[in-house]
Amino acid sequence: MTNEDGTVFLIDDDPGVRDSLTLLLSLKGMRTQPFANAESFIETYRPDWSGCVLTDLRMPGMTGLELQAVLRERQVDVPVVVLTAHGDVATARAALKNGAFDFLEKPIDDAMLVDVLRNALRADRERRATVTARSSADARIERLTEREREILMLIAAGHQNREIATQLGISPRTVEVHKARIMEKLECDSLAELIRMHLAAG
């Protein structure tokens, strides 16, 4: 795993835990950024940073659950893995209900922890790739005229040129011309690519 794959933001008030986890993860090729408390992470974190959060549950000041609530309130969509020595079913349920990626109890098997964190980093990469594809698709669809968007929606809904022509009160030939322009503006080489672009734009 390379640094480009994101950072594990490690939040734990115990310096010994921070040091040992940082060492473990660096040996596995993962980049970490340790924080002694959730408040300093919140102050430092930028939404364009890729990665995941590995947080202790019980800490002086803001707890792991409170951190999740703040992230959700600020619409920060980063995978959060909760690690605790004080796990119980109610707390685990609360963390997962708040959107935690996973809930792990100490002592944790190193291999399991690394596996969960790799999955969390992968989830963050995939989400970011989807967001990028959507914004790219949105930008291209902005180039279309109102009529071209109308035709694109009908094409994506599975209508043939003749049906589109009848619905819009224009000739099938005009639909063809519009379709060619749409393909050109969206830089699509096939109908399948055109429909994928429409779906990506949501």
N, C-alpha and C. Protein backbone atom coordinates (compact mmCIF):
# COMPACT_ATOMS: atom_id res chain seq x y z
N MET A 1 0.85 -1.19 0.00
CA MET A 1 0.00 0.00 0.00
C MET A 1 0.88 1.24 0.00
N THR A 2 0.55 2.20 -0.84
CA THR A 2 1.37 3.40 -0.97
C THR A 2 0.72 4.57 -0.26
N ASN A 3 1.48 5.62 -0.06
CA ASN A 3 0.96 6.81 0.61
C ASN A 3 -0.19 7.46 -0.14
N GLU A 4 -0.20 7.30 -1.46
CA GLU A 4 -1.27 7.90 -2.26
C GLU A 4 -2.63 7.29 -1.91
N ASP A 5 -2.60 6.13 -1.22
CA ASP A 5 -3.85 5.45 -0.89
C ASP A 5 -4.57 6.09 0.29
N GLY A 6 -4.01 7.12 0.87
CA GLY A 6 -4.68 7.81 1.96
C GLY A 6 -3.97 7.63 3.29
N THR A 7 -4.43 8.39 4.27
CA THR A 7 -3.81 8.43 5.59
C THR A 7 -4.78 7.87 6.63
N VAL A 8 -4.23 7.14 7.60
CA VAL A 8 -5.03 6.72 8.76
C VAL A 8 -4.88 7.80 9.81
N PHE A 9 -5.96 8.52 10.10
CA PHE A 9 -5.94 9.56 11.13
C PHE A 9 -6.23 8.88 12.47
N LEU A 10 -5.18 8.76 13.26
CA LEU A 10 -5.21 7.96 14.48
C LEU A 10 -5.45 8.85 15.69
N ILE A 11 -6.60 8.64 16.37
CA ILE A 11 -6.96 9.50 17.50
C ILE A 11 -7.03 8.66 18.77
N ASP A 12 -6.09 8.90 19.69
CA ASP A 12 -6.07 8.17 20.95
C ASP A 12 -5.33 9.01 21.98
N ASP A 13 -5.89 9.10 23.20
CA ASP A 13 -5.24 9.95 24.22
C ASP A 13 -4.04 9.26 24.87
N ASP A 14 -3.83 7.97 24.60
CA ASP A 14 -2.71 7.24 25.19
C ASP A 14 -1.51 7.27 24.23
N PRO A 15 -0.41 7.98 24.61
CA PRO A 15 0.75 8.10 23.72
C PRO A 15 1.34 6.74 23.34
N GLY A 16 1.30 5.78 24.29
CA GLY A 16 1.83 4.44 24.02
C GLY A 16 1.06 3.74 22.91
N VAL A 17 -0.27 3.87 22.95
CA VAL A 17 -1.13 3.27 21.92
C VAL A 17 -0.85 3.94 20.58
N ARG A 18 -0.76 5.28 20.60
CA ARG A 18 -0.48 6.01 19.35
C ARG A 18 0.83 5.54 18.73
N ASP A 19 1.87 5.43 19.57
CA ASP A 19 3.19 5.03 19.07
C ASP A 19 3.18 3.61 18.51
N SER A 20 2.57 2.68 19.26
CA SER A 20 2.59 1.28 18.81
C SER A 20 1.76 1.10 17.54
N LEU A 21 0.61 1.78 17.45
CA LEU A 21 -0.22 1.66 16.23
C LEU A 21 0.46 2.33 15.04
N THR A 22 1.09 3.46 15.27
CA THR A 22 1.81 4.15 14.19
C THR A 22 2.92 3.26 13.65
N LEU A 23 3.64 2.61 14.56
CA LEU A 23 4.72 1.70 14.14
C LEU A 23 4.15 0.51 13.36
N LEU A 24 3.11 -0.10 13.90
CA LEU A 24 2.49 -1.27 13.23
C LEU A 24 2.05 -0.90 11.81
N LEU A 25 1.33 0.21 11.70
CA LEU A 25 0.76 0.59 10.40
C LEU A 25 1.85 1.01 9.41
N SER A 26 2.91 1.67 9.93
CA SER A 26 4.00 2.07 9.02
C SER A 26 4.72 0.83 8.48
N LEU A 27 4.83 -0.21 9.31
CA LEU A 27 5.45 -1.46 8.85
C LEU A 27 4.60 -2.14 7.77
N LYS A 28 3.31 -1.84 7.78
CA LYS A 28 2.40 -2.39 6.77
C LYS A 28 2.25 -1.45 5.57
N GLY A 29 3.08 -0.40 5.54
CA GLY A 29 3.07 0.52 4.40
C GLY A 29 1.98 1.56 4.45
N MET A 30 1.40 1.77 5.63
CA MET A 30 0.33 2.77 5.76
C MET A 30 0.85 4.05 6.40
N ARG A 31 0.38 5.16 5.87
CA ARG A 31 0.76 6.45 6.45
C ARG A 31 -0.24 6.80 7.55
N THR A 32 0.27 7.26 8.70
CA THR A 32 -0.63 7.65 9.79
C THR A 32 -0.37 9.10 10.18
N GLN A 33 -1.41 9.70 10.74
CA GLN A 33 -1.25 11.04 11.33
C GLN A 33 -1.90 10.97 12.71
N PRO A 34 -1.08 10.93 13.78
CA PRO A 34 -1.65 10.77 15.12
C PRO A 34 -2.17 12.07 15.73
N PHE A 35 -3.23 11.93 16.53
CA PHE A 35 -3.82 13.06 17.27
C PHE A 35 -4.09 12.59 18.70
N ALA A 36 -3.82 13.46 19.68
CA ALA A 36 -4.01 13.10 21.08
C ALA A 36 -5.48 13.22 21.50
N ASN A 37 -6.27 13.95 20.71
CA ASN A 37 -7.70 14.08 21.03
C ASN A 37 -8.50 14.41 19.78
N ALA A 38 -9.81 14.22 19.89
CA ALA A 38 -10.70 14.42 18.74
C ALA A 38 -10.77 15.90 18.34
N GLU A 39 -10.67 16.79 19.35
CA GLU A 39 -10.75 18.23 19.06
C GLU A 39 -9.65 18.68 18.10
N SER A 40 -8.41 18.21 18.35
CA SER A 40 -7.30 18.64 17.49
C SER A 40 -7.45 18.07 16.08
N PHE A 41 -8.03 16.87 15.98
CA PHE A 41 -8.30 16.30 14.65
C PHE A 41 -9.31 17.17 13.90
N ILE A 42 -10.41 17.52 14.57
CA ILE A 42 -11.47 18.34 13.95
C ILE A 42 -10.90 19.67 13.47
N GLU A 43 -10.03 20.29 14.28
CA GLU A 43 -9.44 21.59 13.93
C GLU A 43 -8.51 21.47 12.72
N THR A 44 -7.83 20.34 12.61
CA THR A 44 -6.79 20.16 11.58
C THR A 44 -7.34 19.61 10.26
N TYR A 45 -8.33 18.71 10.34
CA TYR A 45 -8.78 17.96 9.16
C TYR A 45 -9.33 18.85 8.05
N ARG A 46 -8.98 18.50 6.81
CA ARG A 46 -9.50 19.19 5.61
C ARG A 46 -10.24 18.16 4.76
N PRO A 47 -11.43 18.49 4.25
CA PRO A 47 -12.23 17.52 3.49
C PRO A 47 -11.53 16.95 2.26
N ASP A 48 -10.51 17.65 1.74
CA ASP A 48 -9.83 17.12 0.55
C ASP A 48 -8.76 16.09 0.92
N TRP A 49 -8.55 15.85 2.23
CA TRP A 49 -7.59 14.83 2.65
C TRP A 49 -8.25 13.47 2.52
N SER A 50 -7.56 12.54 1.87
CA SER A 50 -8.13 11.20 1.73
C SER A 50 -7.62 10.30 2.85
N GLY A 51 -8.46 9.36 3.24
CA GLY A 51 -8.05 8.43 4.28
C GLY A 51 -9.22 7.97 5.13
N CYS A 52 -8.91 7.51 6.34
CA CYS A 52 -9.94 7.06 7.27
C CYS A 52 -9.52 7.44 8.69
N VAL A 53 -10.48 7.40 9.59
CA VAL A 53 -10.22 7.73 11.00
C VAL A 53 -10.22 6.44 11.81
N LEU A 54 -9.20 6.29 12.67
CA LEU A 54 -9.17 5.20 13.66
C LEU A 54 -9.18 5.90 15.01
N THR A 55 -10.31 5.82 15.71
CA THR A 55 -10.44 6.58 16.95
C THR A 55 -10.76 5.70 18.15
N ASP A 56 -10.18 6.09 19.28
CA ASP A 56 -10.55 5.47 20.55
C ASP A 56 -11.97 5.94 20.87
N LEU A 57 -12.65 5.19 21.73
CA LEU A 57 -14.03 5.56 22.08
C LEU A 57 -14.06 6.52 23.25
N ARG A 58 -13.41 6.13 24.35
CA ARG A 58 -13.43 6.96 25.56
C ARG A 58 -12.15 7.77 25.65
N MET A 59 -12.30 9.09 25.60
CA MET A 59 -11.14 10.00 25.71
C MET A 59 -11.56 11.21 26.52
N PRO A 60 -10.61 11.87 27.19
CA PRO A 60 -10.96 13.14 27.85
C PRO A 60 -11.48 14.11 26.79
N GLY A 61 -12.47 14.90 27.14
CA GLY A 61 -13.03 15.81 26.14
C GLY A 61 -14.01 15.06 25.25
N MET A 62 -13.87 15.29 23.95
CA MET A 62 -14.79 14.69 22.98
C MET A 62 -14.56 13.18 22.85
N THR A 63 -15.64 12.41 22.96
CA THR A 63 -15.53 10.94 22.81
C THR A 63 -15.57 10.57 21.33
N GLY A 64 -15.31 9.29 21.07
CA GLY A 64 -15.39 8.80 19.69
C GLY A 64 -16.77 8.97 19.08
N LEU A 65 -17.82 8.73 19.91
CA LEU A 65 -19.20 8.88 19.42
C LEU A 65 -19.51 10.36 19.14
N GLU A 66 -19.03 11.24 20.00
CA GLU A 66 -19.25 12.69 19.79
C GLU A 66 -18.51 13.17 18.54
N LEU A 67 -17.32 12.61 18.31
CA LEU A 67 -16.57 12.94 17.09
C LEU A 67 -17.39 12.56 15.85
N GLN A 68 -17.97 11.36 15.87
CA GLN A 68 -18.81 10.92 14.75
C GLN A 68 -19.95 11.90 14.50
N ALA A 69 -20.58 12.34 15.60
CA ALA A 69 -21.72 13.27 15.49
C ALA A 69 -21.28 14.59 14.85
N VAL A 70 -20.11 15.10 15.25
CA VAL A 70 -19.59 16.37 14.70
C VAL A 70 -19.28 16.20 13.21
N LEU A 71 -18.66 15.08 12.84
CA LEU A 71 -18.32 14.84 11.44
C LEU A 71 -19.60 14.78 10.60
N ARG A 72 -20.61 14.10 11.14
CA ARG A 72 -21.87 13.99 10.39
C ARG A 72 -22.53 15.37 10.25
N GLU A 73 -22.51 16.13 11.34
CA GLU A 73 -23.09 17.48 11.34
C GLU A 73 -22.42 18.37 10.28
N ARG A 74 -21.10 18.20 10.15
CA ARG A 74 -20.35 19.01 9.18
C ARG A 74 -20.31 18.38 7.80
N GLN A 75 -21.04 17.29 7.64
CA GLN A 75 -21.12 16.56 6.36
C GLN A 75 -19.73 16.13 5.86
N VAL A 76 -18.90 15.71 6.82
CA VAL A 76 -17.57 15.18 6.48
C VAL A 76 -17.73 13.67 6.29
N ASP A 77 -17.57 13.22 5.06
CA ASP A 77 -17.81 11.82 4.73
C ASP A 77 -16.48 11.06 4.71
N VAL A 78 -16.01 10.67 5.90
CA VAL A 78 -14.75 9.93 5.99
C VAL A 78 -15.04 8.65 6.78
N PRO A 79 -14.52 7.48 6.34
CA PRO A 79 -14.79 6.25 7.09
C PRO A 79 -14.18 6.33 8.50
N VAL A 80 -14.99 5.96 9.51
CA VAL A 80 -14.54 6.01 10.90
C VAL A 80 -14.53 4.59 11.48
N VAL A 81 -13.37 4.16 11.95
CA VAL A 81 -13.24 2.87 12.64
C VAL A 81 -13.06 3.17 14.13
N VAL A 82 -13.95 2.62 14.95
CA VAL A 82 -13.91 2.86 16.39
C VAL A 82 -13.20 1.69 17.07
N LEU A 83 -12.20 2.01 17.88
CA LEU A 83 -11.41 0.99 18.58
C LEU A 83 -11.53 1.27 20.07
N THR A 84 -11.97 0.29 20.85
CA THR A 84 -12.18 0.57 22.27
C THR A 84 -11.91 -0.64 23.16
N ALA A 85 -11.51 -0.35 24.39
CA ALA A 85 -11.35 -1.39 25.41
C ALA A 85 -12.64 -1.51 26.22
N HIS A 86 -13.60 -0.62 25.94
CA HIS A 86 -14.83 -0.56 26.73
C HIS A 86 -16.04 -0.87 25.86
N GLY A 87 -15.95 -1.90 25.06
CA GLY A 87 -17.03 -2.20 24.11
C GLY A 87 -18.20 -2.90 24.78
N ASP A 88 -19.40 -2.49 24.42
CA ASP A 88 -20.59 -3.24 24.78
C ASP A 88 -21.55 -3.14 23.60
N VAL A 89 -22.57 -3.95 23.62
CA VAL A 89 -23.48 -4.03 22.47
C VAL A 89 -24.14 -2.68 22.18
N ALA A 90 -24.58 -1.99 23.24
CA ALA A 90 -25.28 -0.70 23.05
C ALA A 90 -24.35 0.34 22.41
N THR A 91 -23.11 0.37 22.87
CA THR A 91 -22.15 1.35 22.33
C THR A 91 -21.81 1.00 20.88
N ALA A 92 -21.60 -0.28 20.62
CA ALA A 92 -21.30 -0.71 19.25
C ALA A 92 -22.45 -0.34 18.32
N ARG A 93 -23.68 -0.57 18.80
CA ARG A 93 -24.85 -0.25 17.98
C ARG A 93 -24.91 1.25 17.71
N ALA A 94 -24.63 2.05 18.75
CA ALA A 94 -24.66 3.52 18.59
C ALA A 94 -23.61 3.97 17.57
N ALA A 95 -22.41 3.40 17.67
CA ALA A 95 -21.33 3.78 16.73
C ALA A 95 -21.69 3.42 15.30
N LEU A 96 -22.23 2.21 15.12
CA LEU A 96 -22.58 1.76 13.77
C LEU A 96 -23.78 2.54 13.23
N LYS A 97 -24.72 2.86 14.11
CA LYS A 97 -25.88 3.65 13.70
C LYS A 97 -25.44 5.04 13.26
N ASN A 98 -24.39 5.56 13.91
CA ASN A 98 -23.84 6.88 13.55
C ASN A 98 -23.01 6.82 12.27
N GLY A 99 -22.90 5.63 11.69
CA GLY A 99 -22.20 5.51 10.41
C GLY A 99 -20.77 5.02 10.51
N ALA A 100 -20.38 4.43 11.68
CA ALA A 100 -19.01 3.91 11.79
C ALA A 100 -18.78 2.83 10.74
N PHE A 101 -17.58 2.82 10.19
CA PHE A 101 -17.22 1.80 9.20
C PHE A 101 -17.10 0.44 9.89
N ASP A 102 -16.54 0.44 11.12
CA ASP A 102 -16.43 -0.79 11.90
C ASP A 102 -16.21 -0.43 13.36
N PHE A 103 -16.45 -1.41 14.23
CA PHE A 103 -16.32 -1.22 15.67
C PHE A 103 -15.46 -2.37 16.19
N LEU A 104 -14.27 -2.07 16.70
CA LEU A 104 -13.33 -3.11 17.10
C LEU A 104 -13.00 -3.00 18.59
N GLU A 105 -12.83 -4.14 19.24
CA GLU A 105 -12.50 -4.15 20.66
C GLU A 105 -11.03 -4.47 20.88
N LYS A 106 -10.42 -3.75 21.84
CA LYS A 106 -9.05 -4.04 22.26
C LYS A 106 -9.09 -5.22 23.23
N PRO A 107 -8.09 -6.08 23.27
CA PRO A 107 -6.95 -6.07 22.34
C PRO A 107 -7.38 -6.61 20.97
N ILE A 108 -6.89 -5.98 19.92
CA ILE A 108 -7.29 -6.35 18.56
C ILE A 108 -6.15 -7.11 17.87
N ASP A 109 -6.50 -8.12 17.14
CA ASP A 109 -5.51 -8.85 16.35
C ASP A 109 -4.96 -7.91 15.27
N ASP A 110 -3.62 -7.81 15.19
CA ASP A 110 -2.98 -6.88 14.24
C ASP A 110 -3.47 -7.08 12.81
N ALA A 111 -3.54 -8.34 12.39
CA ALA A 111 -3.92 -8.63 11.00
C ALA A 111 -5.35 -8.17 10.73
N MET A 112 -6.24 -8.37 11.72
CA MET A 112 -7.64 -7.95 11.53
C MET A 112 -7.74 -6.43 11.45
N LEU A 113 -7.00 -5.74 12.32
CA LEU A 113 -7.01 -4.27 12.32
C LEU A 113 -6.52 -3.74 10.97
N VAL A 114 -5.41 -4.26 10.48
CA VAL A 114 -4.85 -3.82 9.21
C VAL A 114 -5.83 -4.07 8.07
N ASP A 115 -6.48 -5.23 8.11
CA ASP A 115 -7.46 -5.59 7.07
C ASP A 115 -8.64 -4.60 7.06
N VAL A 116 -9.16 -4.30 8.25
CA VAL A 116 -10.29 -3.36 8.37
C VAL A 116 -9.89 -1.97 7.85
N LEU A 117 -8.68 -1.53 8.23
CA LEU A 117 -8.23 -0.20 7.81
C LEU A 117 -8.00 -0.14 6.30
N ARG A 118 -7.47 -1.21 5.73
CA ARG A 118 -7.29 -1.23 4.26
C ARG A 118 -8.64 -1.14 3.56
N ASN A 119 -9.64 -1.85 4.11
CA ASN A 119 -10.98 -1.78 3.53
C ASN A 119 -11.57 -0.38 3.67
N ALA A 120 -11.33 0.27 4.80
CA ALA A 120 -11.83 1.63 5.02
C ALA A 120 -11.17 2.61 4.05
N LEU A 121 -9.85 2.46 3.85
CA LEU A 121 -9.14 3.33 2.90
C LEU A 121 -9.64 3.10 1.48
N ARG A 122 -9.92 1.83 1.15
CA ARG A 122 -10.44 1.52 -0.19
C ARG A 122 -11.83 2.15 -0.38
N ALA A 123 -12.66 2.08 0.66
CA ALA A 123 -14.00 2.66 0.60
C ALA A 123 -13.92 4.17 0.36
N ASP A 124 -12.96 4.81 1.02
CA ASP A 124 -12.79 6.27 0.84
C ASP A 124 -12.33 6.60 -0.58
N ARG A 125 -11.39 5.79 -1.11
CA ARG A 125 -10.93 6.02 -2.50
C ARG A 125 -12.09 5.86 -3.49
N GLU A 126 -12.89 4.81 -3.28
CA GLU A 126 -14.01 4.55 -4.21
C GLU A 126 -15.04 5.67 -4.15
N ARG A 127 -15.32 6.16 -2.92
CA ARG A 127 -16.29 7.26 -2.78
C ARG A 127 -15.78 8.51 -3.48
N ARG A 128 -14.48 8.80 -3.29
CA ARG A 128 -13.90 9.99 -3.93
C ARG A 128 -13.91 9.87 -5.45
N ALA A 129 -13.65 8.67 -5.96
CA ALA A 129 -13.66 8.46 -7.41
C ALA A 129 -15.07 8.67 -7.98
N THR A 130 -16.08 8.22 -7.22
CA THR A 130 -17.48 8.39 -7.64
C THR A 130 -17.85 9.87 -7.67
N VAL A 131 -17.42 10.60 -6.63
CA VAL A 131 -17.71 12.05 -6.55
C VAL A 131 -17.05 12.78 -7.73
N THR A 132 -15.79 12.41 -8.03
CA THR A 132 -15.07 13.03 -9.14
C THR A 132 -15.75 12.74 -10.47
N ALA A 133 -16.16 11.48 -10.66
CA ALA A 133 -16.85 11.10 -11.92
C ALA A 133 -18.16 11.85 -12.05
N ARG A 134 -18.87 12.00 -10.91
CA ARG A 134 -20.16 12.70 -10.96
C ARG A 134 -19.97 14.17 -11.32
N SER A 135 -18.96 14.82 -10.70
CA SER A 135 -18.76 16.24 -10.99
C SER A 135 -18.32 16.44 -12.44
N SER A 136 -17.53 15.49 -12.97
CA SER A 136 -17.11 15.56 -14.37
C SER A 136 -18.32 15.38 -15.29
N ALA A 137 -19.18 14.40 -14.96
CA ALA A 137 -20.38 14.16 -15.78
C ALA A 137 -21.32 15.36 -15.70
N ASP A 138 -21.48 15.92 -14.49
CA ASP A 138 -22.34 17.10 -14.32
C ASP A 138 -21.86 18.26 -15.18
N ALA A 139 -20.53 18.46 -15.17
CA ALA A 139 -19.95 19.58 -15.93
C ALA A 139 -20.21 19.40 -17.42
N ARG A 140 -20.09 18.17 -17.91
CA ARG A 140 -20.34 17.93 -19.34
C ARG A 140 -21.82 18.12 -19.69
N ILE A 141 -22.70 17.63 -18.81
CA ILE A 141 -24.14 17.74 -19.09
C ILE A 141 -24.59 19.20 -19.07
N GLU A 142 -23.85 20.03 -18.33
CA GLU A 142 -24.14 21.48 -18.32
C GLU A 142 -24.03 22.07 -19.73
N ARG A 143 -23.23 21.43 -20.59
CA ARG A 143 -23.05 21.96 -21.96
C ARG A 143 -24.29 21.78 -22.82
N LEU A 144 -25.18 20.88 -22.42
CA LEU A 144 -26.34 20.56 -23.26
C LEU A 144 -27.42 21.64 -23.18
N THR A 145 -28.15 21.80 -24.28
CA THR A 145 -29.31 22.71 -24.26
C THR A 145 -30.45 21.99 -23.54
N GLU A 146 -31.51 22.73 -23.24
CA GLU A 146 -32.68 22.15 -22.57
C GLU A 146 -33.27 20.99 -23.38
N ARG A 147 -33.37 21.20 -24.70
CA ARG A 147 -33.94 20.17 -25.57
C ARG A 147 -33.04 18.92 -25.62
N GLU A 148 -31.72 19.16 -25.65
CA GLU A 148 -30.78 18.03 -25.67
C GLU A 148 -30.86 17.22 -24.38
N ARG A 149 -31.04 17.90 -23.26
CA ARG A 149 -31.19 17.19 -21.98
C ARG A 149 -32.46 16.36 -21.96
N GLU A 150 -33.52 16.93 -22.53
CA GLU A 150 -34.81 16.24 -22.63
C GLU A 150 -34.65 14.94 -23.44
N ILE A 151 -33.94 15.06 -24.55
CA ILE A 151 -33.73 13.90 -25.42
C ILE A 151 -32.81 12.88 -24.73
N LEU A 152 -31.79 13.36 -24.03
CA LEU A 152 -30.89 12.46 -23.30
C LEU A 152 -31.67 11.63 -22.27
N MET A 153 -32.58 12.28 -21.55
CA MET A 153 -33.38 11.56 -20.54
C MET A 153 -34.24 10.49 -21.19
N LEU A 154 -34.80 10.80 -22.35
CA LEU A 154 -35.66 9.82 -23.05
C LEU A 154 -34.81 8.66 -23.61
N ILE A 155 -33.60 8.98 -24.10
CA ILE A 155 -32.69 7.93 -24.59
C ILE A 155 -32.33 7.01 -23.42
N ALA A 156 -31.98 7.63 -22.27
CA ALA A 156 -31.57 6.86 -21.09
C ALA A 156 -32.71 6.00 -20.56
N ALA A 157 -33.95 6.46 -20.80
CA ALA A 157 -35.13 5.70 -20.36
C ALA A 157 -35.46 4.55 -21.32
N GLY A 158 -34.68 4.45 -22.41
CA GLY A 158 -34.84 3.32 -23.33
C GLY A 158 -35.74 3.57 -24.54
N HIS A 159 -36.10 4.83 -24.78
CA HIS A 159 -36.98 5.14 -25.92
C HIS A 159 -36.20 5.18 -27.24
N GLN A 160 -36.83 4.71 -28.31
CA GLN A 160 -36.24 4.75 -29.65
C GLN A 160 -36.45 6.14 -30.26
N ASN A 161 -35.68 6.43 -31.33
CA ASN A 161 -35.77 7.75 -31.97
C ASN A 161 -37.20 8.10 -32.38
N ARG A 162 -37.92 7.13 -32.96
CA ARG A 162 -39.28 7.40 -33.43
C ARG A 162 -40.21 7.75 -32.27
N GLU A 163 -40.04 7.03 -31.13
CA GLU A 163 -40.88 7.31 -29.95
C GLU A 163 -40.56 8.70 -29.39
N ILE A 164 -39.26 9.04 -29.37
CA ILE A 164 -38.84 10.36 -28.87
C ILE A 164 -39.43 11.45 -29.76
N ALA A 165 -39.36 11.22 -31.07
CA ALA A 165 -39.89 12.19 -32.04
C ALA A 165 -41.37 12.43 -31.80
N THR A 166 -42.12 11.35 -31.60
CA THR A 166 -43.57 11.45 -31.37
C THR A 166 -43.85 12.21 -30.07
N GLN A 167 -43.11 11.86 -29.01
CA GLN A 167 -43.33 12.52 -27.71
C GLN A 167 -43.05 14.01 -27.76
N LEU A 168 -42.01 14.39 -28.52
CA LEU A 168 -41.59 15.80 -28.54
C LEU A 168 -42.17 16.58 -29.73
N GLY A 169 -42.89 15.88 -30.61
CA GLY A 169 -43.49 16.55 -31.76
C GLY A 169 -42.47 17.05 -32.77
N ILE A 170 -41.38 16.27 -32.95
CA ILE A 170 -40.36 16.62 -33.94
C ILE A 170 -40.10 15.40 -34.81
N SER A 171 -39.33 15.57 -35.87
CA SER A 171 -39.09 14.44 -36.78
C SER A 171 -37.99 13.53 -36.24
N PRO A 172 -38.02 12.22 -36.61
CA PRO A 172 -36.95 11.31 -36.19
C PRO A 172 -35.58 11.80 -36.65
N ARG A 173 -35.54 12.46 -37.78
CA ARG A 173 -34.26 12.98 -38.31
C ARG A 173 -33.70 14.04 -37.34
N THR A 174 -34.59 14.90 -36.84
CA THR A 174 -34.17 15.94 -35.88
C THR A 174 -33.64 15.31 -34.60
N VAL A 175 -34.28 14.23 -34.18
CA VAL A 175 -33.81 13.50 -32.99
C VAL A 175 -32.40 12.98 -33.24
N GLU A 176 -32.16 12.44 -34.45
CA GLU A 176 -30.83 11.93 -34.81
C GLU A 176 -29.77 13.03 -34.71
N VAL A 177 -30.12 14.21 -35.24
CA VAL A 177 -29.18 15.34 -35.22
C VAL A 177 -28.87 15.73 -33.77
N HIS A 178 -29.93 15.81 -32.96
CA HIS A 178 -29.73 16.15 -31.53
C HIS A 178 -28.86 15.10 -30.85
N LYS A 179 -29.13 13.82 -31.15
CA LYS A 179 -28.39 12.73 -30.52
C LYS A 179 -26.90 12.83 -30.87
N ALA A 180 -26.62 13.14 -32.13
CA ALA A 180 -25.22 13.28 -32.58
C ALA A 180 -24.53 14.42 -31.82
N ARG A 181 -25.26 15.52 -31.65
CA ARG A 181 -24.71 16.67 -30.91
C ARG A 181 -24.46 16.32 -29.45
N ILE A 182 -25.41 15.58 -28.87
CA ILE A 182 -25.27 15.17 -27.46
C ILE A 182 -24.03 14.31 -27.29
N MET A 183 -23.86 13.33 -28.19
CA MET A 183 -22.69 12.43 -28.13
C MET A 183 -21.40 13.23 -28.22
N GLU A 184 -21.40 14.23 -29.11
CA GLU A 184 -20.21 15.05 -29.32
C GLU A 184 -19.90 15.89 -28.07
N LYS A 185 -20.93 16.54 -27.52
CA LYS A 185 -20.73 17.41 -26.36
C LYS A 185 -20.30 16.61 -25.12
N LEU A 186 -20.83 15.40 -24.98
CA LEU A 186 -20.51 14.59 -23.81
C LEU A 186 -19.29 13.70 -24.03
N GLU A 187 -18.73 13.81 -25.25
CA GLU A 187 -17.52 13.04 -25.60
C GLU A 187 -17.74 11.53 -25.42
N CYS A 188 -18.90 11.06 -25.91
CA CYS A 188 -19.25 9.64 -25.82
C CYS A 188 -19.18 9.01 -27.21
N ASP A 189 -18.63 7.80 -27.28
CA ASP A 189 -18.49 7.10 -28.57
C ASP A 189 -19.59 6.08 -28.81
N SER A 190 -20.36 5.77 -27.78
CA SER A 190 -21.41 4.76 -27.96
C SER A 190 -22.62 5.11 -27.11
N LEU A 191 -23.73 4.46 -27.41
CA LEU A 191 -24.97 4.67 -26.67
C LEU A 191 -24.79 4.23 -25.21
N ALA A 192 -24.07 3.10 -25.02
CA ALA A 192 -23.83 2.59 -23.65
C ALA A 192 -23.06 3.62 -22.81
N GLU A 193 -22.07 4.24 -23.44
CA GLU A 193 -21.25 5.25 -22.75
C GLU A 193 -22.10 6.47 -22.40
N LEU A 194 -23.00 6.81 -23.33
CA LEU A 194 -23.90 7.95 -23.13
C LEU A 194 -24.80 7.70 -21.91
N ILE A 195 -25.35 6.49 -21.82
CA ILE A 195 -26.24 6.15 -20.70
C ILE A 195 -25.46 6.10 -19.39
N ARG A 196 -24.22 5.58 -19.43
CA ARG A 196 -23.37 5.57 -18.23
C ARG A 196 -23.11 6.99 -17.72
N MET A 197 -22.84 7.90 -18.67
CA MET A 197 -22.59 9.31 -18.34
C MET A 197 -23.82 9.92 -17.66
N HIS A 198 -24.99 9.62 -18.21
CA HIS A 198 -26.25 10.14 -17.65
C HIS A 198 -26.45 9.61 -16.23
N LEU A 199 -26.17 8.33 -16.02
CA LEU A 199 -26.33 7.72 -14.68
C LEU A 199 -25.30 8.29 -13.70
N ALA A 200 -24.08 8.51 -14.17
CA ALA A 200 -23.01 9.06 -13.31
C ALA A 200 -23.40 10.45 -12.82
N ALA A 201 -24.09 11.20 -13.67
CA ALA A 201 -24.50 12.56 -13.29
C ALA A 201 -25.66 12.54 -12.32
N GLY A 202 -26.26 11.36 -12.17
CA GLY A 202 -27.36 11.23 -11.20
C GLY A 202 -28.59 12.00 -11.63
